[in-house]
Amino acid sequence: MSDGMTKAVRDDLAKLAYALARGLPKDDAKSLLGVFARDRDLTDDMAWALYVRGKELARRQKERAA
């Protein structure tokens, strides 16, 4: 990820990545996130890390709502 990326931008991208790939089988999710990564000048690994971060953020939000 870009060194200039703020935490808020990273978290927003993470939420977007998770929303895009949520519910897909792992291989399909990784393929979709690869396209997502290329559009944002990221590597596939960075896109997967954003997805995992987004999943964690969604879990935390769900826990706070309960």
PDB file of N, CA and C in Angstrom:
ATOM      1  N   MET A   1       0.829  -1.168   0.000  1.00  0.00           N
ATOM      2  CA  MET A   1       0.000   0.000   0.000  1.00  0.00           C
ATOM      3  C   MET A   1       0.875   1.233   0.000  1.00  0.00           C
ATOM      4  N   SER A   2       0.320   2.265  -0.501  1.00  0.00           N
ATOM      5  CA  SER A   2       1.058   3.507  -0.576  1.00  0.00           C
ATOM      6  C   SER A   2       1.433   3.996   0.815  1.00  0.00           C
ATOM      7  N   ASP A   3       2.650   4.521   0.924  1.00  0.00           N
ATOM      8  CA  ASP A   3       3.079   5.048   2.224  1.00  0.00           C
ATOM      9  C   ASP A   3       2.237   6.246   2.633  1.00  0.00           C
ATOM     10  N   GLY A   4       1.653   6.940   1.660  1.00  0.00           N
ATOM     11  CA  GLY A   4       0.849   8.115   1.960  1.00  0.00           C
ATOM     12  C   GLY A   4      -0.599   7.804   2.281  1.00  0.00           C
ATOM     13  N   MET A   5      -0.966   6.519   2.330  1.00  0.00           N
ATOM     14  CA  MET A   5      -2.348   6.147   2.590  1.00  0.00           C
ATOM     15  C   MET A   5      -2.648   6.290   4.081  1.00  0.00           C
ATOM     16  N   THR A   6      -3.662   7.077   4.364  1.00  0.00           N
ATOM     17  CA  THR A   6      -4.038   7.259   5.767  1.00  0.00           C
ATOM     18  C   THR A   6      -4.831   6.051   6.258  1.00  0.00           C
ATOM     19  N   LYS A   7      -4.960   5.950   7.567  1.00  0.00           N
ATOM     20  CA  LYS A   7      -5.709   4.842   8.160  1.00  0.00           C
ATOM     21  C   LYS A   7      -7.158   4.869   7.701  1.00  0.00           C
ATOM     22  N   ALA A   8      -7.737   6.054   7.597  1.00  0.00           N
ATOM     23  CA  ALA A   8      -9.132   6.168   7.171  1.00  0.00           C
ATOM     24  C   ALA A   8      -9.313   5.687   5.735  1.00  0.00           C
ATOM     25  N   VAL A   9      -8.396   6.048   4.861  1.00  0.00           N
ATOM     26  CA  VAL A   9      -8.466   5.600   3.464  1.00  0.00           C
ATOM     27  C   VAL A   9      -8.290   4.091   3.397  1.00  0.00           C
ATOM     28  N   ARG A  10      -7.328   3.571   4.151  1.00  0.00           N
ATOM     29  CA  ARG A  10      -7.099   2.125   4.178  1.00  0.00           C
ATOM     30  C   ARG A  10      -8.338   1.382   4.661  1.00  0.00           C
ATOM     31  N   ASP A  11      -8.964   1.886   5.706  1.00  0.00           N
ATOM     32  CA  ASP A  11     -10.148   1.225   6.235  1.00  0.00           C
ATOM     33  C   ASP A  11     -11.319   1.306   5.255  1.00  0.00           C
ATOM     34  N   ASP A  12     -11.450   2.425   4.564  1.00  0.00           N
ATOM     35  CA  ASP A  12     -12.510   2.545   3.551  1.00  0.00           C
ATOM     36  C   ASP A  12     -12.285   1.561   2.407  1.00  0.00           C
ATOM     37  N   LEU A  13     -11.044   1.434   1.946  1.00  0.00           N
ATOM     38  CA  LEU A  13     -10.729   0.455   0.901  1.00  0.00           C
ATOM     39  C   LEU A  13     -10.960  -0.971   1.407  1.00  0.00           C
ATOM     40  N   ALA A  14     -10.650  -1.206   2.672  1.00  0.00           N
ATOM     41  CA  ALA A  14     -10.861  -2.528   3.257  1.00  0.00           C
ATOM     42  C   ALA A  14     -12.348  -2.869   3.274  1.00  0.00           C
ATOM     43  N   LYS A  15     -13.171  -1.930   3.661  1.00  0.00           N
ATOM     44  CA  LYS A  15     -14.618  -2.154   3.675  1.00  0.00           C
ATOM     45  C   LYS A  15     -15.139  -2.410   2.267  1.00  0.00           C
ATOM     46  N   LEU A  16     -14.619  -1.674   1.295  1.00  0.00           N
ATOM     47  CA  LEU A  16     -15.022  -1.868  -0.094  1.00  0.00           C
ATOM     48  C   LEU A  16     -14.601  -3.244  -0.599  1.00  0.00           C
ATOM     49  N   ALA A  17     -13.367  -3.637  -0.313  1.00  0.00           N
ATOM     50  CA  ALA A  17     -12.877  -4.950  -0.745  1.00  0.00           C
ATOM     51  C   ALA A  17     -13.722  -6.059  -0.131  1.00  0.00           C
ATOM     52  N   TYR A  18     -14.052  -5.936   1.132  1.00  0.00           N
ATOM     53  CA  TYR A  18     -14.860  -6.957   1.800  1.00  0.00           C
ATOM     54  C   TYR A  18     -16.272  -6.995   1.222  1.00  0.00           C
ATOM     55  N   ALA A  19     -16.843  -5.830   0.969  1.00  0.00           N
ATOM     56  CA  ALA A  19     -18.189  -5.781   0.400  1.00  0.00           C
ATOM     57  C   ALA A  19     -18.225  -6.419  -0.988  1.00  0.00           C
ATOM     58  N   LEU A  20     -17.179  -6.235  -1.768  1.00  0.00           N
ATOM     59  CA  LEU A  20     -17.129  -6.807  -3.109  1.00  0.00           C
ATOM     60  C   LEU A  20     -17.028  -8.325  -3.095  1.00  0.00           C
ATOM     61  N   ALA A  21     -16.207  -8.867  -2.207  1.00  0.00           N
ATOM     62  CA  ALA A  21     -15.886 -10.292  -2.247  1.00  0.00           C
ATOM     63  C   ALA A  21     -16.614 -11.126  -1.200  1.00  0.00           C
ATOM     64  N   ARG A  22     -17.383 -10.499  -0.362  1.00  0.00           N
ATOM     65  CA  ARG A  22     -18.091 -11.225   0.705  1.00  0.00           C
ATOM     66  C   ARG A  22     -19.008 -12.280   0.091  1.00  0.00           C
ATOM     67  N   GLY A  23     -18.955 -13.479   0.623  1.00  0.00           N
ATOM     68  CA  GLY A  23     -19.845 -14.537   0.178  1.00  0.00           C
ATOM     69  C   GLY A  23     -19.342 -15.340  -1.004  1.00  0.00           C
ATOM     70  N   LEU A  24     -18.235 -14.921  -1.606  1.00  0.00           N
ATOM     71  CA  LEU A  24     -17.685 -15.666  -2.736  1.00  0.00           C
ATOM     72  C   LEU A  24     -16.757 -16.771  -2.238  1.00  0.00           C
ATOM     73  N   PRO A  25     -16.640 -17.851  -3.009  1.00  0.00           N
ATOM     74  CA  PRO A  25     -15.621 -18.850  -2.663  1.00  0.00           C
ATOM     75  C   PRO A  25     -14.232 -18.201  -2.690  1.00  0.00           C
ATOM     76  N   LYS A  26     -13.296 -18.740  -1.927  1.00  0.00           N
ATOM     77  CA  LYS A  26     -11.987 -18.117  -1.751  1.00  0.00           C
ATOM     78  C   LYS A  26     -11.278 -17.834  -3.082  1.00  0.00           C
ATOM     79  N   ASP A  27     -11.279 -18.800  -4.009  1.00  0.00           N
ATOM     80  CA  ASP A  27     -10.598 -18.603  -5.286  1.00  0.00           C
ATOM     81  C   ASP A  27     -11.241 -17.481  -6.098  1.00  0.00           C
ATOM     82  N   ASP A  28     -12.573 -17.443  -6.115  1.00  0.00           N
ATOM     83  CA  ASP A  28     -13.281 -16.387  -6.834  1.00  0.00           C
ATOM     84  C   ASP A  28     -13.036 -15.028  -6.179  1.00  0.00           C
ATOM     85  N   ALA A  29     -13.020 -15.011  -4.867  1.00  0.00           N
ATOM     86  CA  ALA A  29     -12.764 -13.760  -4.145  1.00  0.00           C
ATOM     87  C   ALA A  29     -11.367 -13.234  -4.471  1.00  0.00           C
ATOM     88  N   LYS A  30     -10.386 -14.122  -4.488  1.00  0.00           N
ATOM     89  CA  LYS A  30      -9.017 -13.697  -4.793  1.00  0.00           C
ATOM     90  C   LYS A  30      -8.917 -13.173  -6.218  1.00  0.00           C
ATOM     91  N   SER A  31      -9.620 -13.789  -7.157  1.00  0.00           N
ATOM     92  CA  SER A  31      -9.608 -13.318  -8.545  1.00  0.00           C
ATOM     93  C   SER A  31     -10.236 -11.931  -8.654  1.00  0.00           C
ATOM     94  N   LEU A  32     -11.372 -11.756  -8.010  1.00  0.00           N
ATOM     95  CA  LEU A  32     -12.035 -10.456  -8.030  1.00  0.00           C
ATOM     96  C   LEU A  32     -11.174  -9.396  -7.363  1.00  0.00           C
ATOM     97  N   LEU A  33     -10.558  -9.751  -6.252  1.00  0.00           N
ATOM     98  CA  LEU A  33      -9.698  -8.800  -5.550  1.00  0.00           C
ATOM     99  C   LEU A  33      -8.446  -8.475  -6.367  1.00  0.00           C
ATOM    100  N   GLY A  34      -8.012  -9.396  -7.229  1.00  0.00           N
ATOM    101  CA  GLY A  34      -6.897  -9.105  -8.127  1.00  0.00           C
ATOM    102  C   GLY A  34      -7.241  -7.976  -9.077  1.00  0.00           C
ATOM    103  N   VAL A  35      -8.454  -7.988  -9.609  1.00  0.00           N
ATOM    104  CA  VAL A  35      -8.919  -6.900 -10.477  1.00  0.00           C
ATOM    105  C   VAL A  35      -9.021  -5.610  -9.664  1.00  0.00           C
ATOM    106  N   PHE A  36      -9.573  -5.717  -8.477  1.00  0.00           N
ATOM    107  CA  PHE A  36      -9.689  -4.585  -7.556  1.00  0.00           C
ATOM    108  C   PHE A  36      -8.310  -3.981  -7.295  1.00  0.00           C
ATOM    109  N   ALA A  37      -7.319  -4.835  -7.102  1.00  0.00           N
ATOM    110  CA  ALA A  37      -5.954  -4.382  -6.805  1.00  0.00           C
ATOM    111  C   ALA A  37      -5.353  -3.641  -7.992  1.00  0.00           C
ATOM    112  N   ARG A  38      -5.481  -4.204  -9.180  1.00  0.00           N
ATOM    113  CA  ARG A  38      -4.891  -3.565 -10.362  1.00  0.00           C
ATOM    114  C   ARG A  38      -5.490  -2.190 -10.615  1.00  0.00           C
ATOM    115  N   ASP A  39      -6.782  -2.021 -10.353  1.00  0.00           N
ATOM    116  CA  ASP A  39      -7.432  -0.726 -10.539  1.00  0.00           C
ATOM    117  C   ASP A  39      -6.912   0.326  -9.560  1.00  0.00           C
ATOM    118  N   ARG A  40      -6.336  -0.116  -8.459  1.00  0.00           N
ATOM    119  CA  ARG A  40      -5.874   0.806  -7.415  1.00  0.00           C
ATOM    120  C   ARG A  40      -4.370   0.763  -7.203  1.00  0.00           C
ATOM    121  N   ASP A  41      -3.644   0.211  -8.169  1.00  0.00           N
ATOM    122  CA  ASP A  41      -2.177   0.112  -8.103  1.00  0.00           C
ATOM    123  C   ASP A  41      -1.689  -0.589  -6.841  1.00  0.00           C
ATOM    124  N   LEU A  42      -2.339  -1.688  -6.494  1.00  0.00           N
ATOM    125  CA  LEU A  42      -1.955  -2.508  -5.358  1.00  0.00           C
ATOM    126  C   LEU A  42      -1.550  -3.885  -5.863  1.00  0.00           C
ATOM    127  N   THR A  43      -0.863  -4.637  -5.041  1.00  0.00           N
ATOM    128  CA  THR A  43      -0.574  -6.018  -5.392  1.00  0.00           C
ATOM    129  C   THR A  43      -1.755  -6.893  -4.960  1.00  0.00           C
ATOM    130  N   ASP A  44      -1.792  -8.108  -5.463  1.00  0.00           N
ATOM    131  CA  ASP A  44      -2.860  -9.028  -5.073  1.00  0.00           C
ATOM    132  C   ASP A  44      -2.823  -9.307  -3.572  1.00  0.00           C
ATOM    133  N   ASP A  45      -1.615  -9.403  -3.020  1.00  0.00           N
ATOM    134  CA  ASP A  45      -1.486  -9.642  -1.576  1.00  0.00           C
ATOM    135  C   ASP A  45      -2.041  -8.479  -0.763  1.00  0.00           C
ATOM    136  N   MET A  46      -1.809  -7.271  -1.234  1.00  0.00           N
ATOM    137  CA  MET A  46      -2.334  -6.095  -0.531  1.00  0.00           C
ATOM    138  C   MET A  46      -3.856  -6.084  -0.576  1.00  0.00           C
ATOM    139  N   ALA A  47      -4.426  -6.463  -1.731  1.00  0.00           N
ATOM    140  CA  ALA A  47      -5.886  -6.506  -1.848  1.00  0.00           C
ATOM    141  C   ALA A  47      -6.466  -7.545  -0.908  1.00  0.00           C
ATOM    142  N   TRP A  48      -5.801  -8.705  -0.801  1.00  0.00           N
ATOM    143  CA  TRP A  48      -6.278  -9.742   0.121  1.00  0.00           C
ATOM    144  C   TRP A  48      -6.178  -9.252   1.560  1.00  0.00           C
ATOM    145  N   ALA A  49      -5.112  -8.548   1.880  1.00  0.00           N
ATOM    146  CA  ALA A  49      -4.956  -7.991   3.226  1.00  0.00           C
ATOM    147  C   ALA A  49      -6.061  -6.976   3.517  1.00  0.00           C
ATOM    148  N   LEU A  50      -6.431  -6.185   2.528  1.00  0.00           N
ATOM    149  CA  LEU A  50      -7.535  -5.246   2.711  1.00  0.00           C
ATOM    150  C   LEU A  50      -8.841  -5.997   2.956  1.00  0.00           C
ATOM    151  N   TYR A  51      -9.056  -7.073   2.221  1.00  0.00           N
ATOM    152  CA  TYR A  51     -10.260  -7.886   2.415  1.00  0.00           C
ATOM    153  C   TYR A  51     -10.326  -8.425   3.845  1.00  0.00           C
ATOM    154  N   VAL A  52      -9.213  -8.958   4.316  1.00  0.00           N
ATOM    155  CA  VAL A  52      -9.160  -9.499   5.673  1.00  0.00           C
ATOM    156  C   VAL A  52      -9.409  -8.388   6.691  1.00  0.00           C
ATOM    157  N   ARG A  53      -8.823  -7.225   6.455  1.00  0.00           N
ATOM    158  CA  ARG A  53      -9.045  -6.072   7.340  1.00  0.00           C
ATOM    159  C   ARG A  53     -10.526  -5.672   7.336  1.00  0.00           C
ATOM    160  N   GLY A  54     -11.128  -5.656   6.155  1.00  0.00           N
ATOM    161  CA  GLY A  54     -12.546  -5.318   6.045  1.00  0.00           C
ATOM    162  C   GLY A  54     -13.429  -6.312   6.776  1.00  0.00           C
ATOM    163  N   LYS A  55     -13.061  -7.586   6.697  1.00  0.00           N
ATOM    164  CA  LYS A  55     -13.805  -8.629   7.402  1.00  0.00           C
ATOM    165  C   LYS A  55     -13.713  -8.406   8.913  1.00  0.00           C
ATOM    166  N   GLU A  56     -12.525  -8.056   9.380  1.00  0.00           N
ATOM    167  CA  GLU A  56     -12.327  -7.778  10.803  1.00  0.00           C
ATOM    168  C   GLU A  56     -13.124  -6.545  11.241  1.00  0.00           C
ATOM    169  N   LEU A  57     -13.126  -5.505  10.422  1.00  0.00           N
ATOM    170  CA  LEU A  57     -13.887  -4.299  10.751  1.00  0.00           C
ATOM    171  C   LEU A  57     -15.377  -4.600  10.814  1.00  0.00           C
ATOM    172  N   ALA A  58     -15.880  -5.416   9.893  1.00  0.00           N
ATOM    173  CA  ALA A  58     -17.295  -5.785   9.890  1.00  0.00           C
ATOM    174  C   ALA A  58     -17.640  -6.589  11.147  1.00  0.00           C
ATOM    175  N   ARG A  59     -16.738  -7.500  11.543  1.00  0.00           N
ATOM    176  CA  ARG A  59     -16.965  -8.299  12.742  1.00  0.00           C
ATOM    177  C   ARG A  59     -17.027  -7.402  13.982  1.00  0.00           C
ATOM    178  N   ARG A  60     -16.107  -6.453  14.053  1.00  0.00           N
ATOM    179  CA  ARG A  60     -16.092  -5.539  15.211  1.00  0.00           C
ATOM    180  C   ARG A  60     -17.360  -4.687  15.268  1.00  0.00           C
ATOM    181  N   GLN A  61     -17.783  -4.204  14.099  1.00  0.00           N
ATOM    182  CA  GLN A  61     -18.990  -3.387  14.062  1.00  0.00           C
ATOM    183  C   GLN A  61     -20.205  -4.197  14.495  1.00  0.00           C
ATOM    184  N   LYS A  62     -20.258  -5.448  14.076  1.00  0.00           N
ATOM    185  CA  LYS A  62     -21.367  -6.320  14.459  1.00  0.00           C
ATOM    186  C   LYS A  62     -21.361  -6.556  15.967  1.00  0.00           C
ATOM    187  N   GLU A  63     -20.174  -6.747  16.545  1.00  0.00           N
ATOM    188  CA  GLU A  63     -20.072  -6.950  17.996  1.00  0.00           C
ATOM    189  C   GLU A  63     -20.517  -5.711  18.756  1.00  0.00           C
ATOM    190  N   ARG A  64     -20.156  -4.535  18.273  1.00  0.00           N
ATOM    191  CA  ARG A  64     -20.556  -3.292  18.947  1.00  0.00           C
ATOM    192  C   ARG A  64     -22.052  -3.087  18.877  1.00  0.00           C
ATOM    193  N   ALA A  65     -22.674  -3.522  17.767  1.00  0.00           N
ATOM    194  CA  ALA A  65     -24.119  -3.351  17.609  1.00  0.00           C
ATOM    195  C   ALA A  65     -24.905  -4.303  18.502  1.00  0.00           C
ATOM    196  N   ALA A  66     -24.284  -5.407  18.871  1.00  0.00           N
ATOM    197  CA  ALA A  66     -25.006  -6.413  19.687  1.00  0.00           C
ATOM    198  C   ALA A  66     -25.052  -6.039  21.153  1.00  0.00           C
TER     199      ALA A  66
END
